[in-house]
């Protein structure tokens, strides 16, 4: 069972990953499509954990 801090750490790691590959939130105007795609992919990836938390 994953706890809320784990999901929080996961999201922080995701944001640092975006920074590392040059898709930081500051560049969202130039990279909006890529950020939205990666964001939806990350949401799909952590959705089972979120569903498990809500049970």
N, C-alpha and C. Protein backbone atom coordinates (compact mmCIF):
# COMPACT_ATOMS: atom_id res chain seq x y z
N UNK A 1 0.85 -1.19 0.00
CA UNK A 1 0.00 0.00 0.00
C UNK A 1 0.89 1.25 0.00
N UNK A 2 0.64 2.14 -0.92
CA UNK A 2 1.45 3.35 -1.02
C UNK A 2 0.80 4.49 -0.24
N UNK A 3 1.61 5.22 0.49
CA UNK A 3 1.10 6.31 1.31
C UNK A 3 1.15 7.63 0.53
N UNK A 4 0.51 8.65 1.09
CA UNK A 4 0.49 9.96 0.44
C UNK A 4 1.89 10.55 0.26
N UNK A 5 2.78 10.46 1.27
CA UNK A 5 4.14 10.97 1.06
C UNK A 5 4.85 10.33 -0.13
N UNK A 6 4.59 9.05 -0.37
CA UNK A 6 5.20 8.38 -1.52
C UNK A 6 4.74 9.02 -2.82
N UNK A 7 3.45 9.28 -2.95
CA UNK A 7 2.91 9.92 -4.15
C UNK A 7 3.47 11.34 -4.30
N UNK A 8 3.61 12.04 -3.17
CA UNK A 8 4.18 13.38 -3.19
C UNK A 8 5.62 13.36 -3.67
N UNK A 9 6.41 12.41 -3.14
CA UNK A 9 7.80 12.25 -3.58
C UNK A 9 7.86 11.90 -5.07
N UNK A 10 6.93 11.04 -5.51
CA UNK A 10 6.87 10.65 -6.91
C UNK A 10 6.62 11.87 -7.80
N UNK A 11 5.71 12.74 -7.38
CA UNK A 11 5.42 13.93 -8.18
C UNK A 11 6.60 14.90 -8.19
N UNK A 12 7.32 14.99 -7.06
CA UNK A 12 8.52 15.83 -7.03
C UNK A 12 9.59 15.28 -7.96
N UNK A 13 9.76 13.95 -7.96
CA UNK A 13 10.71 13.32 -8.87
C UNK A 13 10.31 13.56 -10.32
N UNK A 14 9.00 13.52 -10.60
CA UNK A 14 8.51 13.77 -11.95
C UNK A 14 8.84 15.20 -12.39
N UNK A 15 8.65 16.16 -11.49
CA UNK A 15 8.96 17.54 -11.83
C UNK A 15 10.45 17.74 -12.05
N UNK A 16 11.28 17.06 -11.24
CA UNK A 16 12.73 17.18 -11.45
C UNK A 16 13.15 16.50 -12.75
N UNK A 17 12.43 15.45 -13.13
CA UNK A 17 12.68 14.81 -14.43
C UNK A 17 12.36 15.78 -15.56
N UNK A 18 11.25 16.49 -15.46
CA UNK A 18 10.92 17.50 -16.46
C UNK A 18 12.01 18.56 -16.55
N UNK A 19 12.51 19.00 -15.39
CA UNK A 19 13.61 19.97 -15.37
C UNK A 19 14.83 19.42 -16.09
N UNK A 20 15.14 18.15 -15.83
CA UNK A 20 16.35 17.53 -16.37
C UNK A 20 16.30 17.45 -17.90
N UNK A 21 15.11 17.17 -18.46
CA UNK A 21 15.03 17.03 -19.92
C UNK A 21 14.63 18.35 -20.59
N UNK A 22 14.57 19.42 -19.80
CA UNK A 22 14.32 20.74 -20.38
C UNK A 22 12.87 21.08 -20.62
N UNK A 23 11.95 20.39 -19.96
CA UNK A 23 10.53 20.70 -20.11
C UNK A 23 9.98 21.23 -18.80
N UNK A 24 10.67 22.20 -18.22
CA UNK A 24 10.23 22.76 -16.94
C UNK A 24 8.92 23.54 -17.13
N UNK A 25 8.16 23.71 -16.06
CA UNK A 25 6.90 24.48 -16.17
C UNK A 25 7.09 25.90 -16.70
N UNK A 26 8.30 26.45 -16.54
CA UNK A 26 8.56 27.80 -17.06
C UNK A 26 8.54 27.82 -18.59
N UNK A 27 8.84 26.68 -19.22
CA UNK A 27 8.87 26.61 -20.68
C UNK A 27 7.54 26.10 -21.25
N UNK A 28 6.48 26.19 -20.45
CA UNK A 28 5.22 25.55 -20.84
C UNK A 28 4.63 26.17 -22.11
N UNK A 29 4.96 27.42 -22.40
CA UNK A 29 4.42 28.04 -23.61
C UNK A 29 5.02 27.42 -24.86
N UNK A 30 6.33 27.14 -24.83
CA UNK A 30 6.97 26.54 -26.00
C UNK A 30 6.69 25.03 -26.09
N UNK A 31 6.61 24.39 -24.92
CA UNK A 31 6.55 22.92 -24.89
C UNK A 31 5.21 22.42 -24.37
N UNK A 32 4.15 23.21 -24.57
CA UNK A 32 2.86 22.88 -23.96
C UNK A 32 2.37 21.48 -24.32
N UNK A 33 2.46 21.14 -25.58
CA UNK A 33 1.96 19.83 -26.01
C UNK A 33 2.75 18.70 -25.37
N UNK A 34 4.08 18.83 -25.36
CA UNK A 34 4.93 17.80 -24.77
C UNK A 34 4.67 17.66 -23.27
N UNK A 35 4.52 18.79 -22.58
CA UNK A 35 4.27 18.76 -21.14
C UNK A 35 2.92 18.11 -20.86
N UNK A 36 1.91 18.45 -21.66
CA UNK A 36 0.59 17.84 -21.46
C UNK A 36 0.64 16.34 -21.72
N UNK A 37 1.38 15.93 -22.75
CA UNK A 37 1.50 14.51 -23.05
C UNK A 37 2.20 13.76 -21.92
N UNK A 38 3.34 14.31 -21.46
CA UNK A 38 4.07 13.68 -20.36
C UNK A 38 3.25 13.70 -19.08
N UNK A 39 2.53 14.78 -18.85
CA UNK A 39 1.69 14.87 -17.66
C UNK A 39 0.58 13.84 -17.65
N UNK A 40 -0.07 13.64 -18.80
CA UNK A 40 -1.13 12.64 -18.86
C UNK A 40 -0.55 11.23 -18.75
N UNK A 41 0.64 11.01 -19.32
CA UNK A 41 1.29 9.70 -19.18
C UNK A 41 1.65 9.43 -17.73
N UNK A 42 2.15 10.45 -17.04
CA UNK A 42 2.49 10.28 -15.62
C UNK A 42 1.23 10.06 -14.79
N UNK A 43 0.14 10.75 -15.13
CA UNK A 43 -1.11 10.57 -14.39
C UNK A 43 -1.62 9.15 -14.57
N UNK A 44 -1.56 8.63 -15.80
CA UNK A 44 -1.97 7.25 -16.06
C UNK A 44 -1.10 6.28 -15.26
N UNK A 45 0.19 6.62 -15.14
CA UNK A 45 1.11 5.75 -14.41
C UNK A 45 0.79 5.71 -12.92
N UNK A 46 0.42 6.86 -12.31
CA UNK A 46 0.17 6.86 -10.87
C UNK A 46 -1.31 6.71 -10.51
N UNK A 47 -2.18 6.62 -11.53
CA UNK A 47 -3.61 6.48 -11.27
C UNK A 47 -3.94 5.25 -10.41
N UNK A 48 -3.36 4.08 -10.67
CA UNK A 48 -3.66 2.92 -9.80
C UNK A 48 -3.32 3.18 -8.33
N UNK A 49 -2.21 3.89 -8.09
CA UNK A 49 -1.82 4.20 -6.72
C UNK A 49 -2.85 5.13 -6.08
N UNK A 50 -3.32 6.12 -6.85
CA UNK A 50 -4.31 7.05 -6.33
C UNK A 50 -5.63 6.35 -6.05
N UNK A 51 -6.02 5.43 -6.92
CA UNK A 51 -7.23 4.66 -6.69
C UNK A 51 -7.10 3.81 -5.44
N UNK A 52 -5.91 3.23 -5.23
CA UNK A 52 -5.66 2.42 -4.05
C UNK A 52 -5.74 3.27 -2.78
N UNK A 53 -5.26 4.51 -2.87
CA UNK A 53 -5.32 5.42 -1.72
C UNK A 53 -6.76 5.79 -1.37
N UNK A 54 -7.60 5.93 -2.38
CA UNK A 54 -8.96 6.39 -2.14
C UNK A 54 -9.86 5.29 -1.58
N UNK A 55 -9.43 4.03 -1.65
CA UNK A 55 -10.24 2.93 -1.12
C UNK A 55 -10.18 2.86 0.39
